[in-house]
Amino acid sequence: MRDPDWRLLLARVQDGLCTPFLGAGAVVPALPLGSSIARKWAAEHEYPLEDDHDLPRVAQYLSVYQDDAMYPKELICDELSGLAPPDFGAPGEAHGVLAALPLPVFITTNYDDSMCAALRAVDKDPRREICRWNGSPALAAEPSPFSEPGYAPTVANPLVFHLHGHLGLPESLVLTEDDYLDFLVAISRDPDLLPHRVQRALAGTSLLFLGYRLADWDFRVIHRGLVAAMEASLRRLSVTVQLTPSDPARDYLDRYFSALKLRVYWGNAAEFATELQTRWRQRVGDPAHG
């Protein structure tokens, strides 16, 4: 990213007009990547196709093979529950860096509680909300922070919105290919499935995609189904953090992301978080920066 892009992004952060989107790459190595889980399941269940790294497809296979849509969701809850959270104070740990910024809304497609835990670690009091994208009675019965009288996301009481579900409620997970398609259909039919405050964040802040790859279903669904639908004239600078590809691929991806009106930071989540923290401290004059 160019220095002018950084200055604009940091200005948006300072004004509370930046919304992080966290994907699986932001929580590695505390939790395994979806591709690792997919290969494990594919080996255990004799997955017959070659794309054994693709978690939604392997999960779809398990759902069909077992004739049980909840089977892969319960399986991934077993895989991920009980694992230790990241060390939020470690250099480059994305959740810890983001939690220290003056932001009111965080959106995650991860199923774990890392973002809420990181916010609590810096003495904030986050509220968790889950997208109610299907008709599950358990999901409908889940308490919403917006039912609290007068609640609105603030820096001290931020909102963590789980777009694709939470481990504590398997019925809420967007996991299989069918889930992703059903999720897109549900959102397109009923935009109010996204709380008004989340819609405002999507339409009126700089979006920061951290922990995604272009090929990820999560990233494609978010950008095609949510961000691209917003009014182009109202969009602010948005940033995606992507692992550096080979030179020919990078030229193509630079063009691709430019067409999507996204600036690209080439590197991993930890590298970006480290630079973001350094530049933020320089901007606000944090004594911890020396």
C-alpha atoms as a PDB file:
ATOM      1  CA  MET A   1       0.000   0.000   0.000  1.00  0.00           C
ATOM      2  CA  ARG A   2       1.087   3.556  -0.689  1.00  0.00           C
ATOM      3  CA  ASP A   3       1.656   6.048   2.104  1.00  0.00           C
ATOM      4  CA  PRO A   4      -1.420   8.113   1.040  1.00  0.00           C
ATOM      5  CA  ASP A   5      -3.548   4.964   1.381  1.00  0.00           C
ATOM      6  CA  TRP A   6      -2.182   4.376   4.873  1.00  0.00           C
ATOM      7  CA  ARG A   7      -2.844   7.968   5.890  1.00  0.00           C
ATOM      8  CA  LEU A   8      -6.424   7.765   4.702  1.00  0.00           C
ATOM      9  CA  LEU A   9      -7.003   4.397   6.391  1.00  0.00           C
ATOM     10  CA  LEU A  10      -5.578   5.666   9.690  1.00  0.00           C
ATOM     11  CA  ALA A  11      -7.730   8.805   9.489  1.00  0.00           C
ATOM     12  CA  ARG A  12     -10.788   6.589   9.068  1.00  0.00           C
ATOM     13  CA  VAL A  13      -9.712   4.488  12.063  1.00  0.00           C
ATOM     14  CA  GLN A  14      -9.295   7.638  14.154  1.00  0.00           C
ATOM     15  CA  ASP A  15     -12.798   8.753  13.190  1.00  0.00           C
ATOM     16  CA  GLY A  16     -14.282   5.308  13.927  1.00  0.00           C
ATOM     17  CA  LEU A  17     -15.091   4.886  10.228  1.00  0.00           C
ATOM     18  CA  CYS A  18     -13.260   1.616   9.632  1.00  0.00           C
ATOM     19  CA  THR A  19     -14.809  -1.854   9.904  1.00  0.00           C
ATOM     20  CA  PRO A  20     -12.548  -4.911  10.094  1.00  0.00           C
ATOM     21  CA  PHE A  21     -13.649  -8.157   8.442  1.00  0.00           C
ATOM     22  CA  LEU A  22     -11.812 -11.105   9.987  1.00  0.00           C
ATOM     23  CA  GLY A  23     -11.287 -14.411   8.184  1.00  0.00           C
ATOM     24  CA  ALA A  24      -9.576 -17.661   9.059  1.00  0.00           C
ATOM     25  CA  GLY A  25      -6.066 -16.415   8.273  1.00  0.00           C
ATOM     26  CA  ALA A  26      -6.352 -13.883  11.102  1.00  0.00           C
ATOM     27  CA  VAL A  27      -6.561 -16.582  13.780  1.00  0.00           C
ATOM     28  CA  VAL A  28      -3.770 -18.868  12.529  1.00  0.00           C
ATOM     29  CA  PRO A  29      -1.912 -20.620  14.143  1.00  0.00           C
ATOM     30  CA  ALA A  30      -4.209 -20.709  17.189  1.00  0.00           C
ATOM     31  CA  LEU A  31      -6.873 -22.415  15.074  1.00  0.00           C
ATOM     32  CA  PRO A  32      -6.320 -24.547  11.960  1.00  0.00           C
ATOM     33  CA  LEU A  33      -7.105 -23.271   8.497  1.00  0.00           C
ATOM     34  CA  GLY A  34     -10.178 -24.628   6.752  1.00  0.00           C
ATOM     35  CA  SER A  35      -7.962 -26.362   4.197  1.00  0.00           C
ATOM     36  CA  SER A  36      -6.257 -28.359   6.977  1.00  0.00           C
ATOM     37  CA  ILE A  37      -9.599 -29.438   8.402  1.00  0.00           C
ATOM     38  CA  ALA A  38     -10.854 -30.323   4.910  1.00  0.00           C
ATOM     39  CA  ARG A  39      -7.866 -32.581   4.193  1.00  0.00           C
ATOM     40  CA  LYS A  40      -8.259 -34.286   7.562  1.00  0.00           C
ATOM     41  CA  TRP A  41     -11.950 -34.978   6.952  1.00  0.00           C
ATOM     42  CA  ALA A  42     -11.296 -36.059   3.355  1.00  0.00           C
ATOM     43  CA  ALA A  43      -8.787 -38.666   4.534  1.00  0.00           C
ATOM     44  CA  GLU A  44     -11.019 -39.911   7.352  1.00  0.00           C
ATOM     45  CA  HIS A  45     -14.138 -40.177   5.193  1.00  0.00           C
ATOM     46  CA  GLU A  46     -12.611 -41.287   1.866  1.00  0.00           C
ATOM     47  CA  TYR A  47     -13.566 -38.139  -0.024  1.00  0.00           C
ATOM     48  CA  PRO A  48     -13.517 -39.216  -3.691  1.00  0.00           C
ATOM     49  CA  LEU A  49     -12.635 -35.940  -5.459  1.00  0.00           C
ATOM     50  CA  GLU A  50      -9.330 -34.108  -5.936  1.00  0.00           C
ATOM     51  CA  ASP A  51     -10.269 -30.800  -4.277  1.00  0.00           C
ATOM     52  CA  ASP A  52      -9.740 -32.174  -0.772  1.00  0.00           C
ATOM     53  CA  HIS A  53      -8.513 -28.743   0.417  1.00  0.00           C
ATOM     54  CA  ASP A  54     -11.919 -27.099  -0.160  1.00  0.00           C
ATOM     55  CA  LEU A  55     -13.770 -27.123   3.176  1.00  0.00           C
ATOM     56  CA  PRO A  56     -17.255 -26.164   1.883  1.00  0.00           C
ATOM     57  CA  ARG A  57     -17.084 -28.937  -0.730  1.00  0.00           C
ATOM     58  CA  VAL A  58     -15.776 -31.575   1.657  1.00  0.00           C
ATOM     59  CA  ALA A  59     -18.395 -30.511   4.214  1.00  0.00           C
ATOM     60  CA  GLN A  60     -21.061 -30.761   1.501  1.00  0.00           C
ATOM     61  CA  TYR A  61     -19.890 -34.308   0.747  1.00  0.00           C
ATOM     62  CA  LEU A  62     -20.159 -35.288   4.409  1.00  0.00           C
ATOM     63  CA  SER A  63     -23.622 -33.754   4.604  1.00  0.00           C
ATOM     64  CA  VAL A  64     -24.812 -35.772   1.591  1.00  0.00           C
ATOM     65  CA  TYR A  65     -22.924 -38.957   2.499  1.00  0.00           C
ATOM     66  CA  GLN A  66     -24.380 -39.010   6.014  1.00  0.00           C
ATOM     67  CA  ASP A  67     -27.771 -37.674   4.832  1.00  0.00           C
ATOM     68  CA  ASP A  68     -27.516 -35.242   7.758  1.00  0.00           C
ATOM     69  CA  ALA A  69     -27.069 -31.509   7.173  1.00  0.00           C
ATOM     70  CA  MET A  70     -25.963 -30.916  10.768  1.00  0.00           C
ATOM     71  CA  TYR A  71     -23.251 -33.590  10.776  1.00  0.00           C
ATOM     72  CA  PRO A  72     -20.372 -31.452   9.388  1.00  0.00           C
ATOM     73  CA  LYS A  73     -21.421 -28.496  11.546  1.00  0.00           C
ATOM     74  CA  GLU A  74     -21.315 -30.561  14.717  1.00  0.00           C
ATOM     75  CA  LEU A  75     -18.036 -32.060  13.533  1.00  0.00           C
ATOM     76  CA  ILE A  76     -16.347 -28.670  13.082  1.00  0.00           C
ATOM     77  CA  CYS A  77     -17.613 -27.545  16.488  1.00  0.00           C
ATOM     78  CA  ASP A  78     -15.891 -30.608  17.969  1.00  0.00           C
ATOM     79  CA  GLU A  79     -12.705 -29.762  16.018  1.00  0.00           C
ATOM     80  CA  LEU A  80     -12.508 -26.151  17.188  1.00  0.00           C
ATOM     81  CA  SER A  81     -14.098 -26.105  20.636  1.00  0.00           C
ATOM     82  CA  GLY A  82     -11.657 -26.129  23.518  1.00  0.00           C
ATOM     83  CA  LEU A  83      -8.659 -24.849  21.535  1.00  0.00           C
ATOM     84  CA  ALA A  84      -6.706 -22.089  23.242  1.00  0.00           C
ATOM     85  CA  PRO A  85      -7.294 -18.554  21.902  1.00  0.00           C
ATOM     86  CA  PRO A  86      -4.454 -16.536  20.360  1.00  0.00           C
ATOM     87  CA  ASP A  87      -1.981 -14.680  22.546  1.00  0.00           C
ATOM     88  CA  PHE A  88      -3.426 -11.211  22.055  1.00  0.00           C
ATOM     89  CA  GLY A  89      -0.260  -9.546  23.309  1.00  0.00           C
ATOM     90  CA  ALA A  90       2.022 -11.320  20.845  1.00  0.00           C
ATOM     91  CA  PRO A  91       3.688  -9.185  18.138  1.00  0.00           C
ATOM     92  CA  GLY A  92       1.514  -9.040  15.050  1.00  0.00           C
ATOM     93  CA  GLU A  93      -1.501 -10.769  16.625  1.00  0.00           C
ATOM     94  CA  ALA A  94      -4.317  -9.260  14.579  1.00  0.00           C
ATOM     95  CA  HIS A  95      -7.138  -9.432  17.141  1.00  0.00           C
ATOM     96  CA  GLY A  96      -5.033  -7.729  19.814  1.00  0.00           C
ATOM     97  CA  VAL A  97      -3.955  -4.955  17.438  1.00  0.00           C
ATOM     98  CA  LEU A  98      -7.511  -4.327  16.200  1.00  0.00           C
ATOM     99  CA  ALA A  99      -9.020  -4.428  19.712  1.00  0.00           C
ATOM    100  CA  ALA A 100      -6.848  -1.469  20.761  1.00  0.00           C
ATOM    101  CA  LEU A 101      -8.211   0.743  17.968  1.00  0.00           C
ATOM    102  CA  PRO A 102     -11.189   3.111  18.516  1.00  0.00           C
ATOM    103  CA  LEU A 103     -13.663   1.110  16.406  1.00  0.00           C
ATOM    104  CA  PRO A 104     -17.333   0.348  17.209  1.00  0.00           C
ATOM    105  CA  VAL A 105     -18.087  -2.569  14.833  1.00  0.00           C
ATOM    106  CA  PHE A 106     -16.173  -5.729  13.975  1.00  0.00           C
ATOM    107  CA  ILE A 107     -17.418  -8.339  11.501  1.00  0.00           C
ATOM    108  CA  THR A 108     -16.081 -11.884  11.379  1.00  0.00           C
ATOM    109  CA  THR A 109     -16.753 -14.959   9.295  1.00  0.00           C
ATOM    110  CA  ASN A 110     -14.877 -17.050  11.857  1.00  0.00           C
ATOM    111  CA  TYR A 111     -16.868 -19.204  14.240  1.00  0.00           C
ATOM    112  CA  ASP A 112     -14.696 -18.657  17.328  1.00  0.00           C
ATOM    113  CA  ASP A 113     -14.759 -16.018  20.088  1.00  0.00           C
ATOM    114  CA  SER A 114     -11.292 -14.525  19.536  1.00  0.00           C
ATOM    115  CA  MET A 115     -12.427 -10.998  18.652  1.00  0.00           C
ATOM    116  CA  CYS A 116     -14.695 -10.685  21.690  1.00  0.00           C
ATOM    117  CA  ALA A 117     -11.962 -12.070  23.937  1.00  0.00           C
ATOM    118  CA  ALA A 118      -9.382  -9.624  22.546  1.00  0.00           C
ATOM    119  CA  LEU A 119     -11.724  -6.692  23.205  1.00  0.00           C
ATOM    120  CA  ARG A 120     -12.313  -7.834  26.780  1.00  0.00           C
ATOM    121  CA  ALA A 121      -8.537  -8.081  27.228  1.00  0.00           C
ATOM    122  CA  VAL A 122      -8.287  -4.301  26.681  1.00  0.00           C
ATOM    123  CA  ASP A 123     -11.160  -3.569  29.085  1.00  0.00           C
ATOM    124  CA  LYS A 124     -13.894  -3.133  26.513  1.00  0.00           C
ATOM    125  CA  ASP A 125     -17.340  -4.679  26.876  1.00  0.00           C
ATOM    126  CA  PRO A 126     -18.278  -6.184  23.486  1.00  0.00           C
ATOM    127  CA  ARG A 127     -21.669  -7.524  22.440  1.00  0.00           C
ATOM    128  CA  ARG A 128     -21.955 -10.511  20.142  1.00  0.00           C
ATOM    129  CA  GLU A 129     -24.617 -10.838  17.458  1.00  0.00           C
ATOM    130  CA  ILE A 130     -25.125 -13.713  15.003  1.00  0.00           C
ATOM    131  CA  CYS A 131     -26.629 -13.369  11.540  1.00  0.00           C
ATOM    132  CA  ARG A 132     -30.035 -15.047  11.592  1.00  0.00           C
ATOM    133  CA  TRP A 133     -29.836 -16.267   8.020  1.00  0.00           C
ATOM    134  CA  ASN A 134     -31.926 -19.429   8.379  1.00  0.00           C
ATOM    135  CA  GLY A 135     -35.169 -20.444  10.055  1.00  0.00           C
ATOM    136  CA  SER A 136     -33.649 -22.451  12.893  1.00  0.00           C
ATOM    137  CA  PRO A 137     -35.715 -22.033  16.092  1.00  0.00           C
ATOM    138  CA  ALA A 138     -32.485 -22.128  18.109  1.00  0.00           C
ATOM    139  CA  LEU A 139     -31.064 -19.248  16.079  1.00  0.00           C
ATOM    140  CA  ALA A 140     -34.296 -17.274  16.341  1.00  0.00           C
ATOM    141  CA  ALA A 141     -34.262 -17.728  20.125  1.00  0.00           C
ATOM    142  CA  GLU A 142     -30.663 -16.497  20.502  1.00  0.00           C
ATOM    143  CA  PRO A 143     -30.686 -13.197  22.475  1.00  0.00           C
ATOM    144  CA  SER A 144     -29.749 -10.101  20.499  1.00  0.00           C
ATOM    145  CA  PRO A 145     -27.819  -7.159  21.931  1.00  0.00           C
ATOM    146  CA  PHE A 146     -30.155  -4.887  19.981  1.00  0.00           C
ATOM    147  CA  SER A 147     -32.981  -6.007  22.265  1.00  0.00           C
ATOM    148  CA  GLU A 148     -31.165  -4.232  25.107  1.00  0.00           C
ATOM    149  CA  PRO A 149     -32.793  -0.813  25.659  1.00  0.00           C
ATOM    150  CA  GLY A 150     -30.699   1.916  24.096  1.00  0.00           C
ATOM    151  CA  TYR A 151     -27.847  -0.306  22.897  1.00  0.00           C
ATOM    152  CA  ALA A 152     -25.767   1.075  20.061  1.00  0.00           C
ATOM    153  CA  PRO A 153     -22.198   0.002  19.236  1.00  0.00           C
ATOM    154  CA  THR A 154     -19.511   2.293  20.656  1.00  0.00           C
ATOM    155  CA  VAL A 155     -15.761   2.068  21.157  1.00  0.00           C
ATOM    156  CA  ALA A 156     -16.317   1.040  24.781  1.00  0.00           C
ATOM    157  CA  ASN A 157     -19.182  -1.353  23.942  1.00  0.00           C
ATOM    158  CA  PRO A 158     -18.397  -2.569  20.428  1.00  0.00           C
ATOM    159  CA  LEU A 159     -20.407  -5.008  18.349  1.00  0.00           C
ATOM    160  CA  VAL A 160     -18.850  -8.248  17.074  1.00  0.00           C
ATOM    161  CA  PHE A 161     -21.091  -9.538  14.292  1.00  0.00           C
ATOM    162  CA  HIS A 162     -20.687 -13.212  13.366  1.00  0.00           C
ATOM    163  CA  LEU A 163     -21.769 -13.188   9.745  1.00  0.00           C
ATOM    164  CA  HIS A 164     -21.360 -16.944   9.234  1.00  0.00           C
ATOM    165  CA  GLY A 165     -22.306 -18.208  12.670  1.00  0.00           C
ATOM    166  CA  HIS A 166     -20.752 -19.073  16.016  1.00  0.00           C
ATOM    167  CA  LEU A 167     -19.455 -22.311  17.538  1.00  0.00           C
ATOM    168  CA  GLY A 168     -21.882 -22.039  20.421  1.00  0.00           C
ATOM    169  CA  LEU A 169     -24.797 -22.465  18.024  1.00  0.00           C
ATOM    170  CA  PRO A 170     -24.091 -25.109  15.325  1.00  0.00           C
ATOM    171  CA  GLU A 171     -27.367 -24.298  13.567  1.00  0.00           C
ATOM    172  CA  SER A 172     -25.996 -20.827  12.779  1.00  0.00           C
ATOM    173  CA  LEU A 173     -22.922 -21.993  10.840  1.00  0.00           C
ATOM    174  CA  VAL A 174     -22.444 -21.285   7.139  1.00  0.00           C
ATOM    175  CA  LEU A 175     -20.216 -24.219   6.197  1.00  0.00           C
ATOM    176  CA  THR A 176     -21.298 -26.332   3.213  1.00  0.00           C
ATOM    177  CA  GLU A 177     -21.689 -25.183  -0.378  1.00  0.00           C
ATOM    178  CA  ASP A 178     -25.458 -25.314   0.084  1.00  0.00           C
ATOM    179  CA  ASP A 179     -25.124 -23.116   3.171  1.00  0.00           C
ATOM    180  CA  TYR A 180     -23.230 -20.436   1.234  1.00  0.00           C
ATOM    181  CA  LEU A 181     -25.820 -20.418  -1.538  1.00  0.00           C
ATOM    182  CA  ASP A 182     -28.719 -20.375   0.932  1.00  0.00           C
ATOM    183  CA  PHE A 183     -27.024 -17.561   2.854  1.00  0.00           C
ATOM    184  CA  LEU A 184     -26.703 -15.433  -0.292  1.00  0.00           C
ATOM    185  CA  VAL A 185     -30.309 -16.067  -1.263  1.00  0.00           C
ATOM    186  CA  ALA A 186     -31.538 -15.212   2.237  1.00  0.00           C
ATOM    187  CA  ILE A 187     -29.552 -11.952   2.389  1.00  0.00           C
ATOM    188  CA  SER A 188     -30.659 -10.897  -1.089  1.00  0.00           C
ATOM    189  CA  ARG A 189     -34.309 -11.530  -0.231  1.00  0.00           C
ATOM    190  CA  ASP A 190     -34.209  -9.893   3.183  1.00  0.00           C
ATOM    191  CA  PRO A 191     -31.491  -7.263   3.693  1.00  0.00           C
ATOM    192  CA  ASP A 192     -32.841  -6.718   7.218  1.00  0.00           C
ATOM    193  CA  LEU A 193     -31.138  -9.966   8.217  1.00  0.00           C
ATOM    194  CA  LEU A 194     -28.191  -7.618   8.672  1.00  0.00           C
ATOM    195  CA  PRO A 195     -28.801  -5.268  11.611  1.00  0.00           C
ATOM    196  CA  HIS A 196     -29.136  -1.629  10.599  1.00  0.00           C
ATOM    197  CA  ARG A 197     -25.866  -0.762  12.332  1.00  0.00           C
ATOM    198  CA  VAL A 198     -24.058  -3.449  10.329  1.00  0.00           C
ATOM    199  CA  GLN A 199     -25.593  -2.182   7.095  1.00  0.00           C
ATOM    200  CA  ARG A 200     -24.366   1.313   7.960  1.00  0.00           C
ATOM    201  CA  ALA A 201     -20.863  -0.055   8.546  1.00  0.00           C
ATOM    202  CA  LEU A 202     -20.867  -1.840   5.189  1.00  0.00           C
ATOM    203  CA  ALA A 203     -22.085   1.200   3.293  1.00  0.00           C
ATOM    204  CA  GLY A 204     -20.389   4.019   5.171  1.00  0.00           C
ATOM    205  CA  THR A 205     -16.957   2.951   6.424  1.00  0.00           C
ATOM    206  CA  SER A 206     -13.629   1.767   5.070  1.00  0.00           C
ATOM    207  CA  LEU A 207     -13.635  -2.034   5.096  1.00  0.00           C
ATOM    208  CA  LEU A 208     -10.522  -3.952   6.117  1.00  0.00           C
ATOM    209  CA  PHE A 209     -10.442  -7.586   4.963  1.00  0.00           C
ATOM    210  CA  LEU A 210      -7.935  -9.480   7.076  1.00  0.00           C
ATOM    211  CA  GLY A 211      -7.302 -13.219   6.892  1.00  0.00           C
ATOM    212  CA  TYR A 212      -8.834 -13.986   3.486  1.00  0.00           C
ATOM    213  CA  ARG A 213      -7.607 -15.254   0.134  1.00  0.00           C
ATOM    214  CA  LEU A 214      -9.257 -14.400  -3.170  1.00  0.00           C
ATOM    215  CA  ALA A 215     -10.268 -18.058  -3.592  1.00  0.00           C
ATOM    216  CA  ASP A 216     -12.008 -18.249  -0.200  1.00  0.00           C
ATOM    217  CA  TRP A 217     -15.762 -18.735  -0.324  1.00  0.00           C
ATOM    218  CA  ASP A 218     -16.040 -16.330   2.610  1.00  0.00           C
ATOM    219  CA  PHE A 219     -14.347 -13.497   0.730  1.00  0.00           C
ATOM    220  CA  ARG A 220     -16.248 -14.108  -2.502  1.00  0.00           C
ATOM    221  CA  VAL A 221     -19.624 -14.255  -0.759  1.00  0.00           C
ATOM    222  CA  ILE A 222     -18.904 -11.098   1.250  1.00  0.00           C
ATOM    223  CA  HIS A 223     -17.742  -9.052  -1.691  1.00  0.00           C
ATOM    224  CA  ARG A 224     -20.171 -10.282  -4.324  1.00  0.00           C
ATOM    225  CA  GLY A 225     -23.176 -10.593  -2.055  1.00  0.00           C
ATOM    226  CA  LEU A 226     -22.745  -7.659   0.307  1.00  0.00           C
ATOM    227  CA  VAL A 227     -20.124  -5.066  -0.600  1.00  0.00           C
ATOM    228  CA  ALA A 228     -20.665  -4.946  -4.373  1.00  0.00           C
ATOM    229  CA  ALA A 229     -24.362  -4.282  -3.772  1.00  0.00           C
ATOM    230  CA  MET A 230     -23.618  -1.009  -1.977  1.00  0.00           C
ATOM    231  CA  GLU A 231     -23.895   2.332  -3.741  1.00  0.00           C
ATOM    232  CA  ALA A 232     -20.590   2.864  -5.571  1.00  0.00           C
ATOM    233  CA  SER A 233     -20.618   6.636  -5.109  1.00  0.00           C
ATOM    234  CA  LEU A 234     -20.750   6.225  -1.315  1.00  0.00           C
ATOM    235  CA  ARG A 235     -17.948   3.682  -0.908  1.00  0.00           C
ATOM    236  CA  ARG A 236     -14.839   4.626   1.021  1.00  0.00           C
ATOM    237  CA  LEU A 237     -11.306   3.278   0.650  1.00  0.00           C
ATOM    238  CA  SER A 238     -11.246  -0.438   1.503  1.00  0.00           C
ATOM    239  CA  VAL A 239      -8.244  -2.704   1.972  1.00  0.00           C
ATOM    240  CA  THR A 240      -7.659  -6.420   1.551  1.00  0.00           C
ATOM    241  CA  VAL A 241      -4.611  -8.204   2.968  1.00  0.00           C
ATOM    242  CA  GLN A 242      -3.420 -10.945   0.605  1.00  0.00           C
ATOM    243  CA  LEU A 243      -0.460 -13.309   0.610  1.00  0.00           C
ATOM    244  CA  THR A 244       2.106 -12.303  -2.022  1.00  0.00           C
ATOM    245  CA  PRO A 245       1.706 -14.504  -5.121  1.00  0.00           C
ATOM    246  CA  SER A 246       4.134 -15.165  -7.964  1.00  0.00           C
ATOM    247  CA  ASP A 247       4.877 -12.155 -10.191  1.00  0.00           C
ATOM    248  CA  PRO A 248       2.500 -13.061 -13.085  1.00  0.00           C
ATOM    249  CA  ALA A 249      -0.334 -13.795 -10.656  1.00  0.00           C
ATOM    250  CA  ARG A 250       0.295 -10.564  -8.771  1.00  0.00           C
ATOM    251  CA  ASP A 251      -0.154  -8.465 -11.903  1.00  0.00           C
ATOM    252  CA  TYR A 252      -3.504 -10.179 -12.561  1.00  0.00           C
ATOM    253  CA  LEU A 253      -4.618  -9.815  -8.921  1.00  0.00           C
ATOM    254  CA  ASP A 254      -3.604  -6.145  -8.823  1.00  0.00           C
ATOM    255  CA  ARG A 255      -5.893  -5.574 -11.797  1.00  0.00           C
ATOM    256  CA  TYR A 256      -8.658  -7.719 -10.282  1.00  0.00           C
ATOM    257  CA  PHE A 257      -8.695  -5.952  -6.921  1.00  0.00           C
ATOM    258  CA  SER A 258      -8.403  -2.552  -8.581  1.00  0.00           C
ATOM    259  CA  ALA A 259     -11.599  -3.329 -10.506  1.00  0.00           C
ATOM    260  CA  LEU A 260     -13.241  -4.143  -7.171  1.00  0.00           C
ATOM    261  CA  LYS A 261     -12.081  -0.768  -5.774  1.00  0.00           C
ATOM    262  CA  LEU A 262      -9.882  -2.494  -3.197  1.00  0.00           C
ATOM    263  CA  ARG A 263      -6.373  -1.507  -2.188  1.00  0.00           C
ATOM    264  CA  VAL A 264      -4.101  -4.503  -1.596  1.00  0.00           C
ATOM    265  CA  TYR A 265      -1.559  -5.016   1.157  1.00  0.00           C
ATOM    266  CA  TRP A 266       0.677  -7.857   0.013  1.00  0.00           C
ATOM    267  CA  GLY A 267       1.607  -9.912   3.068  1.00  0.00           C
ATOM    268  CA  ASN A 268       0.047 -12.003   5.824  1.00  0.00           C
ATOM    269  CA  ALA A 269      -2.239 -10.898   8.641  1.00  0.00           C
ATOM    270  CA  ALA A 270       0.599 -10.664  11.172  1.00  0.00           C
ATOM    271  CA  GLU A 271       2.728  -8.484   8.885  1.00  0.00           C
ATOM    272  CA  PHE A 272      -0.167  -6.142   8.222  1.00  0.00           C
ATOM    273  CA  ALA A 273      -1.135  -5.965  11.901  1.00  0.00           C
ATOM    274  CA  THR A 274       2.451  -5.141  12.869  1.00  0.00           C
ATOM    275  CA  GLU A 275       2.661  -2.289  10.373  1.00  0.00           C
ATOM    276  CA  LEU A 276      -0.819  -1.045  11.279  1.00  0.00           C
ATOM    277  CA  GLN A 277       0.110  -0.934  14.970  1.00  0.00           C
ATOM    278  CA  THR A 278       3.384   0.891  14.267  1.00  0.00           C
ATOM    279  CA  ARG A 279       1.787   3.484  12.005  1.00  0.00           C
ATOM    280  CA  TRP A 280      -1.141   3.984  14.414  1.00  0.00           C
ATOM    281  CA  ARG A 281       1.164   4.609  17.359  1.00  0.00           C
ATOM    282  CA  GLN A 282       3.154   7.083  15.295  1.00  0.00           C
ATOM    283  CA  ARG A 283      -0.043   8.881  14.358  1.00  0.00           C
ATOM    284  CA  VAL A 284      -1.425   9.216  17.883  1.00  0.00           C
ATOM    285  CA  GLY A 285       1.931   9.676  19.602  1.00  0.00           C
ATOM    286  CA  ASP A 286       1.690   6.526  21.738  1.00  0.00           C
ATOM    287  CA  PRO A 287       4.537   6.521  24.308  1.00  0.00           C
ATOM    288  CA  ALA A 288       4.715   2.746  23.924  1.00  0.00           C
ATOM    289  CA  HIS A 289       6.166   3.340  20.467  1.00  0.00           C
ATOM    290  CA  GLY A 290       9.152   5.062  21.968  1.00  0.00           C
END
